[in-house]
Amino acid sequence: MVEKYTLSIIKADVGGDVGHSSVHPELLAKADEQLAKAKKDGLIVDYCRGLVGDDTALIMSHEHGVDAPNIHEFAWKTFEAMTEVAQKLKQYGAGQDLLSTAFSGNVRGMGPGVAEMDIEERKAEPLLCFLADKTEPGAWNMPLYKMFCDPFTTAGLVIDPSMHDGFNFEVHDLIEKRKIIFSCPEEAYSMLAFIGAPGRYVIKSVFRKEDGMIAASTSTQRLSLIAGKYVGKDDPVMMVRCQNGLPAVGEALDPFAHAYMVAGWMRGSHHGPMMPVGFEDSTPTRFDGPPRVVCYGFQMANGNFIGPRDMFADVSYDNARAEALWAADYFRKQGPFEPHRLSLEDLEYTTMPKLMEDLKSKWQPEKDE
């Protein structure tokens, strides 16, 4: 009998403990309480509560399908309950990611980030859940390309015949609100022309071409585009299935051995290095950063999360962490100057437009000499 499950990661920032650095234990206890009740009541099969920086992630397995209203409503109510605790404790940005006053059937477009996939559980089902803080959804573009397109990263693309057909990438245009499918490797160069601009073009899902099996799913919500102003960075999540015709666990993790640059960091307005860290180091404070990524590793068994393993608690990522710290020093020395600060186009949804409006009357036309 084929076991079918839906895997969902729904995350939100509903209150930061001491600025944007962490989540207060009472908020996490409320999330744990709600998740335990949902499992007891049969709404979900299993769960793991994730944490990175000031974001809480509800990692769940269930049998209701992608975009299930009852699952999304549960997540929304959980975040509302956590917000009440945050308000009582006067936590920073209480309810920040809840951009609506009432649930409307689906949390997509309402603030929380969502990554989901329907799977038929295989004989062995390794699952990696990546949670990032102080960055944007496009931060997953480079590692996903390396996992599923780059033979220098994923040896299986060369030596595993079941991977030779390649993968299809669903890419979303966050500005025009449209999507496209790129067939790789044959359309890899065309895809790179788009995903190399991660502020606009974001990889949403990856599918194995051989049979259409979903391999990866990400959150693509951009809070500034939803709210029309800066309300905090998007802090994306991603899940990746591994092995058996997909990248091995070690191949899927290898892109993070390099501290590549992402947008976000302080006030969502600066470029900074993506630093892979273990759970204990996932609370950023330096200039509210640098951006962090943690990885929760699981073996799925009958819809249950066996784990988590702290995948970046490995000393082999020490060089990436050192590289990130060096890059952080280098960029911080440039202060408010680009390219440390984002370009004016990328600052459109921060507080920059208000500053420009305040100074509008002071600008004078140049006189021809």
Protein backbone atom coordinates (compact mmCIF):
# COMPACT_ATOMS: atom_id res chain seq x y z
CA MET A 1 0.00 0.00 0.00
CA VAL A 2 1.40 3.39 -1.04
CA GLU A 3 1.56 5.84 1.84
CA LYS A 4 0.69 9.38 0.77
CA TYR A 5 1.34 12.39 2.94
CA THR A 6 1.55 16.16 2.68
CA LEU A 7 4.59 17.85 4.15
CA SER A 8 4.13 21.47 5.21
CA ILE A 9 6.44 24.09 6.64
CA ILE A 10 4.57 27.22 7.70
CA LYS A 11 6.69 29.86 9.43
CA ALA A 12 6.19 33.33 10.84
CA ASP A 13 7.85 36.04 12.88
CA VAL A 14 5.29 36.94 15.55
CA GLY A 15 7.62 38.56 18.06
CA GLY A 16 11.35 38.86 18.58
CA ASP A 17 13.06 38.37 21.94
CA VAL A 18 15.51 41.27 22.42
CA GLY A 19 15.03 42.89 19.04
CA HIS A 20 15.14 40.49 16.10
CA SER A 21 17.53 37.97 17.61
CA SER A 22 15.44 35.07 18.98
CA VAL A 23 12.03 33.81 20.07
CA HIS A 24 11.05 33.87 23.75
CA PRO A 25 10.61 30.42 25.35
CA GLU A 26 6.98 31.21 26.24
CA LEU A 27 6.13 31.73 22.56
CA LEU A 28 7.82 28.45 21.65
CA ALA A 29 5.94 26.69 24.46
CA LYS A 30 2.66 27.98 23.02
CA ALA A 31 3.58 26.63 19.57
CA ASP A 32 4.52 23.25 21.08
CA GLU A 33 1.24 23.14 22.98
CA GLN A 34 -0.82 23.84 19.85
CA LEU A 35 1.11 21.30 17.73
CA ALA A 36 0.76 18.57 20.35
CA LYS A 37 -2.99 19.16 20.53
CA ALA A 38 -3.32 19.06 16.73
CA LYS A 39 -1.57 15.69 16.67
CA LYS A 40 -3.69 14.33 19.52
CA ASP A 41 -6.86 15.49 17.75
CA GLY A 42 -5.79 13.76 14.53
CA LEU A 43 -5.44 16.92 12.45
CA ILE A 44 -1.77 16.19 11.73
CA VAL A 45 0.20 12.94 11.67
CA ASP A 46 3.36 14.35 13.21
CA TYR A 47 5.29 17.57 13.70
CA CYS A 48 8.54 19.27 14.64
CA ARG A 49 8.70 22.87 15.81
CA GLY A 50 11.62 24.63 14.14
CA LEU A 51 13.44 27.81 15.07
CA VAL A 52 15.87 30.17 13.39
CA GLY A 53 16.53 33.71 14.64
CA ASP A 54 13.20 35.35 15.46
CA ASP A 55 11.16 32.96 13.29
CA THR A 56 9.13 29.93 14.36
CA ALA A 57 8.45 27.17 11.82
CA LEU A 58 5.66 24.61 12.11
CA ILE A 59 6.98 21.50 10.32
CA MET A 60 4.04 19.13 9.84
CA SER A 61 2.96 15.95 8.09
CA HIS A 62 -0.72 15.34 7.40
CA GLU A 63 -3.16 13.80 4.91
CA HIS A 64 -5.11 16.87 3.80
CA GLY A 65 -3.15 17.95 0.72
CA VAL A 66 -1.34 21.13 -0.25
CA ASP A 67 -3.14 24.39 0.64
CA ALA A 68 -5.55 22.54 2.94
CA PRO A 69 -7.74 25.19 4.65
CA ASN A 70 -7.84 23.32 7.98
CA ILE A 71 -4.04 23.07 8.15
CA HIS A 72 -3.52 26.70 7.18
CA GLU A 73 -6.19 27.82 9.65
CA PHE A 74 -4.48 25.83 12.39
CA ALA A 75 -1.15 27.54 11.59
CA TRP A 76 -2.81 30.96 11.54
CA LYS A 77 -4.50 30.40 14.91
CA THR A 78 -1.24 29.11 16.37
CA PHE A 79 0.56 32.26 15.28
CA GLU A 80 -2.28 34.37 16.67
CA ALA A 81 -1.98 32.59 20.02
CA MET A 82 1.78 33.17 19.99
CA THR A 83 1.19 36.83 19.15
CA GLU A 84 -0.97 37.23 22.26
CA VAL A 85 1.93 35.94 24.36
CA ALA A 86 4.34 38.23 22.50
CA GLN A 87 2.14 41.26 23.18
CA LYS A 88 1.92 40.39 26.87
CA LEU A 89 5.72 40.21 27.04
CA LYS A 90 6.09 43.34 24.87
CA GLN A 91 8.20 41.44 22.37
CA TYR A 92 9.55 43.34 19.39
CA GLY A 93 7.37 43.23 16.26
CA ALA A 94 4.58 41.21 17.89
CA GLY A 95 2.42 39.74 15.13
CA GLN A 96 4.74 41.21 12.49
CA ASP A 97 4.09 38.56 9.83
CA LEU A 98 0.31 38.48 10.31
CA LEU A 99 -0.64 41.05 7.68
CA SER A 100 -4.39 40.47 7.90
CA THR A 101 -6.84 40.72 10.76
CA ALA A 102 -8.69 37.51 9.92
CA PHE A 103 -7.98 34.15 8.31
CA SER A 104 -9.44 33.82 4.82
CA GLY A 105 -8.95 30.14 3.96
CA ASN A 106 -5.22 30.13 3.16
CA VAL A 107 -2.20 31.84 4.72
CA ARG A 108 -0.55 32.42 1.35
CA GLY A 109 -0.48 36.14 0.75
CA MET A 110 -1.28 36.86 4.41
CA GLY A 111 2.28 37.04 5.70
CA PRO A 112 3.48 33.61 6.89
CA GLY A 113 5.89 31.73 4.62
CA VAL A 114 4.74 28.39 3.23
CA ALA A 115 6.55 25.46 1.59
CA GLU A 116 4.52 22.30 0.93
CA MET A 117 4.61 19.11 -1.10
CA ASP A 118 2.54 15.96 -1.56
CA ILE A 119 4.66 12.82 -1.47
CA GLU A 120 4.35 9.08 -1.79
CA GLU A 121 6.67 7.93 0.96
CA ARG A 122 9.49 5.81 -0.42
CA LYS A 123 11.20 2.82 1.21
CA ALA A 124 13.71 5.32 2.60
CA GLU A 125 12.69 9.00 2.70
CA PRO A 126 15.44 11.39 3.86
CA LEU A 127 14.13 14.95 4.19
CA LEU A 128 16.05 18.17 4.73
CA CYS A 129 14.20 21.23 6.04
CA PHE A 130 16.14 24.48 5.66
CA LEU A 131 15.13 27.56 7.66
CA ALA A 132 16.74 30.95 7.00
CA ASP A 133 16.68 34.25 8.85
CA LYS A 134 17.46 37.79 7.68
CA THR A 135 17.14 37.13 3.97
CA GLU A 136 14.67 36.77 1.07
CA PRO A 137 13.09 33.84 -0.87
CA GLY A 138 15.62 34.11 -3.71
CA ALA A 139 18.32 33.02 -1.27
CA TRP A 140 17.53 29.41 -2.23
CA ASN A 141 18.18 29.95 -5.97
CA MET A 142 21.91 29.28 -5.94
CA PRO A 143 21.90 26.19 -3.69
CA LEU A 144 18.97 24.64 -5.58
CA TYR A 145 20.77 25.18 -8.88
CA LYS A 146 23.88 23.55 -7.46
CA MET A 147 21.95 20.61 -5.99
CA PHE A 148 20.01 19.73 -9.12
CA CYS A 149 22.08 21.12 -12.03
CA ASP A 150 25.74 21.30 -11.07
CA PRO A 151 27.76 18.06 -11.52
CA PHE A 152 30.63 19.62 -9.56
CA THR A 153 28.28 19.65 -6.56
CA THR A 154 26.08 16.62 -7.21
CA ALA A 155 28.11 13.67 -8.45
CA GLY A 156 24.88 11.73 -9.01
CA LEU A 157 24.15 13.88 -12.07
CA VAL A 158 27.12 12.10 -13.65
CA ILE A 159 27.25 8.63 -12.11
CA ASP A 160 23.58 7.88 -11.31
CA PRO A 161 21.69 6.90 -14.52
CA SER A 162 18.34 7.67 -12.84
CA MET A 163 19.34 11.36 -12.66
CA HIS A 164 20.59 11.74 -16.25
CA ASP A 165 17.28 13.05 -17.56
CA GLY A 166 17.63 16.02 -15.22
CA PHE A 167 15.03 18.11 -13.44
CA ASN A 168 12.29 20.64 -14.13
CA PHE A 169 12.37 23.92 -12.22
CA GLU A 170 9.24 25.97 -11.54
CA VAL A 171 10.35 29.60 -11.37
CA HIS A 172 8.10 32.43 -10.17
CA ASP A 173 8.27 36.08 -11.19
CA LEU A 174 7.36 37.85 -7.95
CA ILE A 175 6.75 41.22 -9.63
CA GLU A 176 4.58 40.20 -12.60
CA LYS A 177 3.05 37.30 -10.62
CA ARG A 178 3.64 34.64 -13.28
CA LYS A 179 5.59 31.38 -13.50
CA ILE A 180 7.58 29.33 -15.97
CA ILE A 181 9.00 25.79 -16.15
CA PHE A 182 12.64 25.36 -17.15
CA SER A 183 13.79 21.91 -18.29
CA CYS A 184 17.36 21.31 -17.15
CA PRO A 185 20.11 20.71 -18.07
CA GLU A 186 19.14 21.81 -21.61
CA GLU A 187 17.61 25.13 -20.50
CA ALA A 188 20.00 25.76 -17.61
CA TYR A 189 21.63 28.80 -19.20
CA SER A 190 18.26 30.41 -19.92
CA MET A 191 17.15 29.72 -16.36
CA LEU A 192 20.32 31.26 -14.94
CA ALA A 193 19.54 34.50 -16.76
CA PHE A 194 16.46 34.79 -14.54
CA ILE A 195 17.31 33.13 -11.21
CA GLY A 196 20.53 35.15 -11.10
CA ALA A 197 18.21 38.04 -10.16
CA PRO A 198 16.89 36.47 -6.92
CA GLY A 199 15.06 39.59 -5.77
CA ARG A 200 12.50 39.00 -8.52
CA TYR A 201 12.80 35.44 -9.89
CA VAL A 202 12.55 32.61 -7.37
CA ILE A 203 12.67 28.83 -7.71
CA LYS A 204 9.44 27.54 -6.20
CA SER A 205 9.68 23.79 -6.86
CA VAL A 206 11.93 21.17 -8.46
CA PHE A 207 10.63 17.98 -10.09
CA ARG A 208 12.43 14.91 -11.42
CA LYS A 209 11.82 14.74 -15.16
CA GLU A 210 11.90 10.95 -15.27
CA ASP A 211 8.57 10.59 -13.45
CA GLY A 212 7.51 14.08 -12.31
CA MET A 213 8.25 13.33 -8.66
CA ILE A 214 8.60 16.48 -6.57
CA ALA A 215 12.07 16.90 -5.11
CA ALA A 216 12.08 20.36 -3.51
CA SER A 217 9.69 23.09 -2.45
CA THR A 218 10.31 26.62 -1.15
CA SER A 219 8.41 29.57 0.26
CA THR A 220 8.16 32.46 -2.20
CA GLN A 221 6.21 35.02 -0.19
CA ARG A 222 7.69 38.55 -0.16
CA LEU A 223 6.20 40.53 2.70
CA SER A 224 6.99 43.92 1.16
CA LEU A 225 5.10 43.04 -2.03
CA ILE A 226 2.11 41.90 0.04
CA ALA A 227 2.04 44.84 2.44
CA GLY A 228 3.26 47.49 -0.02
CA LYS A 229 5.95 48.57 2.44
CA TYR A 230 8.80 47.12 4.46
CA VAL A 231 7.50 45.07 7.38
CA GLY A 232 10.47 42.77 7.94
CA LYS A 233 12.47 40.36 5.81
CA ASP A 234 10.86 37.23 4.39
CA ASP A 235 13.07 34.63 6.10
CA PRO A 236 12.31 31.76 3.68
CA VAL A 237 12.02 28.02 4.26
CA MET A 238 12.74 25.08 1.97
CA MET A 239 12.34 21.30 2.01
CA VAL A 240 14.43 18.92 -0.11
CA ARG A 241 13.98 15.18 -0.56
CA CYS A 242 17.17 13.15 -0.98
CA GLN A 243 18.64 9.86 -2.26
CA ASN A 244 17.20 7.24 -4.66
CA GLY A 245 17.40 9.20 -7.91
CA LEU A 246 17.70 12.55 -6.13
CA PRO A 247 20.77 14.31 -4.71
CA ALA A 248 22.31 12.48 -1.77
CA VAL A 249 22.05 14.19 1.60
CA GLY A 250 25.70 15.24 1.42
CA GLU A 251 25.20 16.61 -2.10
CA ALA A 252 22.16 18.66 -1.06
CA LEU A 253 24.12 20.15 1.84
CA ASP A 254 27.33 20.87 -0.06
CA PRO A 255 26.22 24.22 -1.60
CA PHE A 256 26.19 25.68 1.90
CA ALA A 257 29.91 24.99 2.36
CA HIS A 258 30.37 28.39 0.69
CA ALA A 259 29.06 31.57 2.33
CA TYR A 260 27.38 33.00 -0.78
CA MET A 261 25.90 36.52 -0.71
CA VAL A 262 22.21 37.21 -0.14
CA ALA A 263 20.01 40.28 0.32
CA GLY A 264 18.59 41.08 3.74
CA TRP A 265 20.60 41.47 6.94
CA MET A 266 19.95 44.75 8.83
CA ARG A 267 16.54 46.30 8.05
CA GLY A 268 16.33 44.03 5.01
CA SER A 269 18.48 46.59 3.21
CA HIS A 270 21.96 45.08 2.95
CA HIS A 271 23.86 42.28 1.26
CA GLY A 272 25.51 39.78 3.55
CA PRO A 273 26.94 36.25 3.64
CA MET A 274 24.66 33.26 4.22
CA MET A 275 26.17 31.48 7.22
CA PRO A 276 25.29 27.81 7.88
CA VAL A 277 25.01 27.23 11.63
CA GLY A 278 23.95 24.61 14.13
CA PHE A 279 20.79 25.09 16.15
CA GLU A 280 22.70 26.64 19.08
CA ASP A 281 24.12 29.41 16.88
CA SER A 282 20.93 30.35 15.05
CA THR A 283 20.26 33.62 16.91
CA PRO A 284 21.90 36.50 14.99
CA THR A 285 22.88 39.71 16.79
CA ARG A 286 25.69 41.40 14.85
CA PHE A 287 24.04 44.14 12.79
CA ASP A 288 21.02 41.81 13.22
CA GLY A 289 22.95 39.15 11.34
CA PRO A 290 24.74 38.02 9.35
CA PRO A 291 22.00 35.96 7.62
CA ARG A 292 21.70 32.42 9.02
CA VAL A 293 20.54 29.06 7.72
CA VAL A 294 19.88 25.94 9.80
CA CYS A 295 18.96 22.50 8.53
CA TYR A 296 16.64 20.04 10.26
CA GLY A 297 17.31 16.52 8.95
CA PHE A 298 14.72 13.75 9.18
CA GLN A 299 14.06 10.19 8.07
CA MET A 300 10.35 9.97 7.33
CA ALA A 301 8.60 6.79 8.53
CA ASN A 302 4.85 6.39 8.08
CA GLY A 303 4.44 10.16 8.11
CA ASN A 304 6.51 10.54 11.27
CA PHE A 305 9.55 12.81 11.56
CA ILE A 306 12.41 10.66 12.86
CA GLY A 307 14.79 13.32 14.14
CA PRO A 308 15.70 16.07 13.86
CA ARG A 309 19.41 15.88 13.23
CA ASP A 310 21.26 19.19 13.34
CA MET A 311 22.86 18.93 9.90
CA PHE A 312 25.06 22.04 10.08
CA ALA A 313 26.48 21.20 13.51
CA ASP A 314 29.26 19.47 11.57
CA VAL A 315 32.80 20.88 11.89
CA SER A 316 33.19 20.57 8.11
CA TYR A 317 31.16 23.80 7.82
CA ASP A 318 33.63 25.71 9.99
CA ASN A 319 35.37 27.09 6.90
CA ALA A 320 32.04 28.38 5.56
CA ARG A 321 31.39 30.06 8.88
CA ALA A 322 34.86 31.61 8.88
CA GLU A 323 34.31 32.76 5.29
CA ALA A 324 30.99 34.32 6.30
CA LEU A 325 32.58 36.18 9.20
CA TRP A 326 35.38 37.49 6.97
CA ALA A 327 32.82 38.62 4.36
CA ALA A 328 30.72 40.25 7.09
CA ASP A 329 33.75 42.29 8.20
CA TYR A 330 34.55 43.26 4.61
CA PHE A 331 31.04 44.43 3.77
CA ARG A 332 30.43 46.21 7.08
CA LYS A 333 33.39 48.48 6.38
CA GLN A 334 31.43 49.90 3.43
CA GLY A 335 28.65 51.07 5.74
CA PRO A 336 25.84 52.83 3.82
CA PHE A 337 27.55 52.50 0.43
CA GLU A 338 26.56 50.00 -2.24
CA PRO A 339 27.06 47.11 -2.77
CA HIS A 340 26.77 46.47 0.99
CA ARG A 341 23.57 48.52 1.00
CA LEU A 342 21.04 47.32 -1.58
CA SER A 343 20.50 49.30 -4.77
CA LEU A 344 17.82 52.00 -4.79
CA GLU A 345 15.56 49.73 -6.84
CA ASP A 346 15.76 47.05 -4.17
CA LEU A 347 15.14 49.63 -1.42
CA GLU A 348 11.80 50.60 -2.98
CA TYR A 349 9.80 48.82 -0.27
CA THR A 350 11.90 49.95 2.70
CA THR A 351 11.70 53.32 4.46
CA MET A 352 13.71 54.93 1.62
CA PRO A 353 10.63 56.22 -0.30
CA LYS A 354 9.48 58.19 2.75
CA LEU A 355 12.89 59.79 3.09
CA MET A 356 12.87 60.73 -0.59
CA GLU A 357 9.39 62.21 -0.25
CA ASP A 358 10.42 64.25 2.81
CA LEU A 359 13.28 65.79 0.84
CA LYS A 360 11.40 66.22 -2.43
CA SER A 361 10.87 69.99 -2.00
CA LYS A 362 14.56 70.63 -1.38
CA TRP A 363 15.71 69.32 -4.75
CA GLN A 364 16.34 72.09 -7.31
CA PRO A 365 16.72 71.74 -11.08
CA GLU A 366 20.24 72.24 -12.45
CA LYS A 367 20.88 75.36 -14.50
CA ASP A 368 22.49 75.03 -17.90
CA GLU A 369 25.96 76.53 -17.89
